[in-house]
Amino acid sequence: MNPLLALFWWVKITLMGLISLFFLLYGIETLIGAYSLKNPLDFIMYFFSASFMILVSSVGVIFSFFKIYGRLKTPDREKTQEELRNFEKNDSAGNSGKTEF
């Protein structure tokens, strides 16, 4: 993989995770602040908007976490693809998909 593309990938995923983390914390702060409101309609508006903000930003944090985890788990992607091709070649030459126990 091109080193410049790898650097861009890391910056993109890290920035997305950090922005999502910021909005997650801001959503939690908004949710806590909603309970101090006196007007019930304002409370409902703030409650649901903060809940939606927490939901969307937590998906961004989880997405970033699993993308980074997957990249660190398989650091040599070329080797993994080569092993997969060798496995498919050996599988098609021999047992035609049947597994014996």
C-alpha atoms as a PDB file:
ATOM      1  CA  MET A   1       0.000   0.000   0.000  1.00  0.00           C
ATOM      2  CA  ASN A   2       1.179   3.480  -0.807  1.00  0.00           C
ATOM      3  CA  PRO A   3       2.568   5.137   2.374  1.00  0.00           C
ATOM      4  CA  LEU A   4       0.748   8.367   1.585  1.00  0.00           C
ATOM      5  CA  LEU A   5      -2.572   6.528   1.315  1.00  0.00           C
ATOM      6  CA  ALA A   6      -1.863   4.698   4.566  1.00  0.00           C
ATOM      7  CA  LEU A   7      -1.162   8.000   6.313  1.00  0.00           C
ATOM      8  CA  PHE A   8      -4.361   9.478   4.872  1.00  0.00           C
ATOM      9  CA  TRP A   9      -6.307   6.438   6.132  1.00  0.00           C
ATOM     10  CA  TRP A  10      -4.934   6.821   9.661  1.00  0.00           C
ATOM     11  CA  VAL A  11      -5.630  10.562   9.732  1.00  0.00           C
ATOM     12  CA  LYS A  12      -9.162  10.079   8.379  1.00  0.00           C
ATOM     13  CA  ILE A  13     -10.144   7.330  10.823  1.00  0.00           C
ATOM     14  CA  THR A  14      -8.506   9.041  13.816  1.00  0.00           C
ATOM     15  CA  LEU A  15     -10.116  12.383  13.008  1.00  0.00           C
ATOM     16  CA  MET A  16     -13.509  10.735  12.597  1.00  0.00           C
ATOM     17  CA  GLY A  17     -13.118   8.980  15.944  1.00  0.00           C
ATOM     18  CA  LEU A  18     -12.057  12.161  17.739  1.00  0.00           C
ATOM     19  CA  ILE A  19     -14.880  14.241  16.261  1.00  0.00           C
ATOM     20  CA  SER A  20     -17.364  11.506  17.155  1.00  0.00           C
ATOM     21  CA  LEU A  21     -15.961  11.377  20.686  1.00  0.00           C
ATOM     22  CA  PHE A  22     -16.364  15.146  21.012  1.00  0.00           C
ATOM     23  CA  PHE A  23     -20.007  14.987  19.921  1.00  0.00           C
ATOM     24  CA  LEU A  24     -20.606  12.004  22.202  1.00  0.00           C
ATOM     25  CA  LEU A  25     -19.399  13.999  25.189  1.00  0.00           C
ATOM     26  CA  TYR A  26     -21.356  17.059  24.035  1.00  0.00           C
ATOM     27  CA  GLY A  27     -24.497  14.925  23.678  1.00  0.00           C
ATOM     28  CA  ILE A  28     -24.070  13.537  27.192  1.00  0.00           C
ATOM     29  CA  GLU A  29     -23.613  17.075  28.534  1.00  0.00           C
ATOM     30  CA  THR A  30     -26.739  18.209  26.659  1.00  0.00           C
ATOM     31  CA  LEU A  31     -28.703  15.264  28.032  1.00  0.00           C
ATOM     32  CA  ILE A  32     -27.668  16.084  31.595  1.00  0.00           C
ATOM     33  CA  GLY A  33     -28.508  19.756  31.012  1.00  0.00           C
ATOM     34  CA  ALA A  34     -31.969  18.836  29.704  1.00  0.00           C
ATOM     35  CA  TYR A  35     -33.022  17.723  33.171  1.00  0.00           C
ATOM     36  CA  SER A  36     -32.575  21.251  34.547  1.00  0.00           C
ATOM     37  CA  LEU A  37     -35.126  22.752  32.143  1.00  0.00           C
ATOM     38  CA  LYS A  38     -38.487  23.883  33.510  1.00  0.00           C
ATOM     39  CA  ASN A  39     -40.591  23.765  30.332  1.00  0.00           C
ATOM     40  CA  PRO A  40     -41.658  20.181  29.488  1.00  0.00           C
ATOM     41  CA  LEU A  41     -41.631  20.849  25.735  1.00  0.00           C
ATOM     42  CA  ASP A  42     -38.073  22.141  25.908  1.00  0.00           C
ATOM     43  CA  PHE A  43     -37.105  19.098  27.953  1.00  0.00           C
ATOM     44  CA  ILE A  44     -38.528  16.708  25.369  1.00  0.00           C
ATOM     45  CA  MET A  45     -36.819  18.555  22.517  1.00  0.00           C
ATOM     46  CA  TYR A  46     -33.431  18.563  24.260  1.00  0.00           C
ATOM     47  CA  PHE A  47     -33.832  14.979  25.485  1.00  0.00           C
ATOM     48  CA  PHE A  48     -34.505  13.495  22.062  1.00  0.00           C
ATOM     49  CA  SER A  49     -31.926  15.624  20.270  1.00  0.00           C
ATOM     50  CA  ALA A  50     -29.254  14.683  22.821  1.00  0.00           C
ATOM     51  CA  SER A  51     -30.214  11.014  22.591  1.00  0.00           C
ATOM     52  CA  PHE A  52     -29.922  11.116  18.810  1.00  0.00           C
ATOM     53  CA  MET A  53     -26.556  12.893  19.047  1.00  0.00           C
ATOM     54  CA  ILE A  54     -25.304  10.226  21.463  1.00  0.00           C
ATOM     55  CA  LEU A  55     -26.531   7.442  19.188  1.00  0.00           C
ATOM     56  CA  VAL A  56     -24.926   8.770  16.008  1.00  0.00           C
ATOM     57  CA  SER A  57     -21.636   9.747  17.609  1.00  0.00           C
ATOM     58  CA  SER A  58     -21.297   6.440  19.449  1.00  0.00           C
ATOM     59  CA  VAL A  59     -21.617   4.661  16.098  1.00  0.00           C
ATOM     60  CA  GLY A  60     -18.752   6.820  14.806  1.00  0.00           C
ATOM     61  CA  VAL A  61     -16.572   5.955  17.805  1.00  0.00           C
ATOM     62  CA  ILE A  62     -17.332   2.233  17.526  1.00  0.00           C
ATOM     63  CA  PHE A  63     -16.703   2.299  13.757  1.00  0.00           C
ATOM     64  CA  SER A  64     -13.320   3.967  14.238  1.00  0.00           C
ATOM     65  CA  PHE A  65     -12.377   1.537  16.995  1.00  0.00           C
ATOM     66  CA  PHE A  66     -13.115  -1.552  14.914  1.00  0.00           C
ATOM     67  CA  LYS A  67     -11.415  -0.142  11.800  1.00  0.00           C
ATOM     68  CA  ILE A  68      -8.222   0.548  13.778  1.00  0.00           C
ATOM     69  CA  TYR A  69      -8.473  -2.812  15.561  1.00  0.00           C
ATOM     70  CA  GLY A  70      -8.861  -4.613  12.236  1.00  0.00           C
ATOM     71  CA  ARG A  71      -5.885  -2.791  10.752  1.00  0.00           C
ATOM     72  CA  LEU A  72      -3.672  -3.599  13.737  1.00  0.00           C
ATOM     73  CA  LYS A  73      -4.880  -7.208  13.861  1.00  0.00           C
ATOM     74  CA  THR A  74      -3.805  -7.941  10.256  1.00  0.00           C
ATOM     75  CA  PRO A  75      -0.851  -5.637   9.588  1.00  0.00           C
ATOM     76  CA  ASP A  76       0.373  -7.458   6.470  1.00  0.00           C
ATOM     77  CA  ARG A  77      -2.596  -7.437   4.132  1.00  0.00           C
ATOM     78  CA  GLU A  78      -0.573  -8.635   1.125  1.00  0.00           C
ATOM     79  CA  LYS A  79       0.465 -11.792   2.971  1.00  0.00           C
ATOM     80  CA  THR A  80      -3.125 -12.478   4.045  1.00  0.00           C
ATOM     81  CA  GLN A  81      -4.409 -12.190   0.462  1.00  0.00           C
ATOM     82  CA  GLU A  82      -1.626 -14.467  -0.777  1.00  0.00           C
ATOM     83  CA  GLU A  83      -2.528 -17.099   1.839  1.00  0.00           C
ATOM     84  CA  LEU A  84      -6.174 -16.893   0.765  1.00  0.00           C
ATOM     85  CA  ARG A  85      -5.250 -17.424  -2.896  1.00  0.00           C
ATOM     86  CA  ASN A  86      -3.076 -20.427  -1.972  1.00  0.00           C
ATOM     87  CA  PHE A  87      -5.906 -21.889   0.100  1.00  0.00           C
ATOM     88  CA  GLU A  88      -8.391 -21.479  -2.753  1.00  0.00           C
ATOM     89  CA  LYS A  89      -5.937 -23.033  -5.225  1.00  0.00           C
ATOM     90  CA  ASN A  90      -5.318 -26.040  -2.958  1.00  0.00           C
ATOM     91  CA  ASP A  91      -9.024 -26.400  -2.232  1.00  0.00           C
ATOM     92  CA  SER A  92     -10.058 -26.373  -5.891  1.00  0.00           C
ATOM     93  CA  ALA A  93      -7.372 -28.916  -6.813  1.00  0.00           C
ATOM     94  CA  GLY A  94      -8.257 -31.474  -4.193  1.00  0.00           C
ATOM     95  CA  ASN A  95     -11.460 -32.147  -2.340  1.00  0.00           C
ATOM     96  CA  SER A  96     -14.040 -30.013  -4.228  1.00  0.00           C
ATOM     97  CA  GLY A  97     -15.461 -28.466  -1.078  1.00  0.00           C
ATOM     98  CA  LYS A  98     -16.141 -31.680   0.856  1.00  0.00           C
ATOM     99  CA  THR A  99     -14.720 -31.935   4.335  1.00  0.00           C
ATOM    100  CA  GLU A 100     -14.118 -35.323   5.918  1.00  0.00           C
ATOM    101  CA  PHE A 101     -14.001 -35.784   9.648  1.00  0.00           C
END
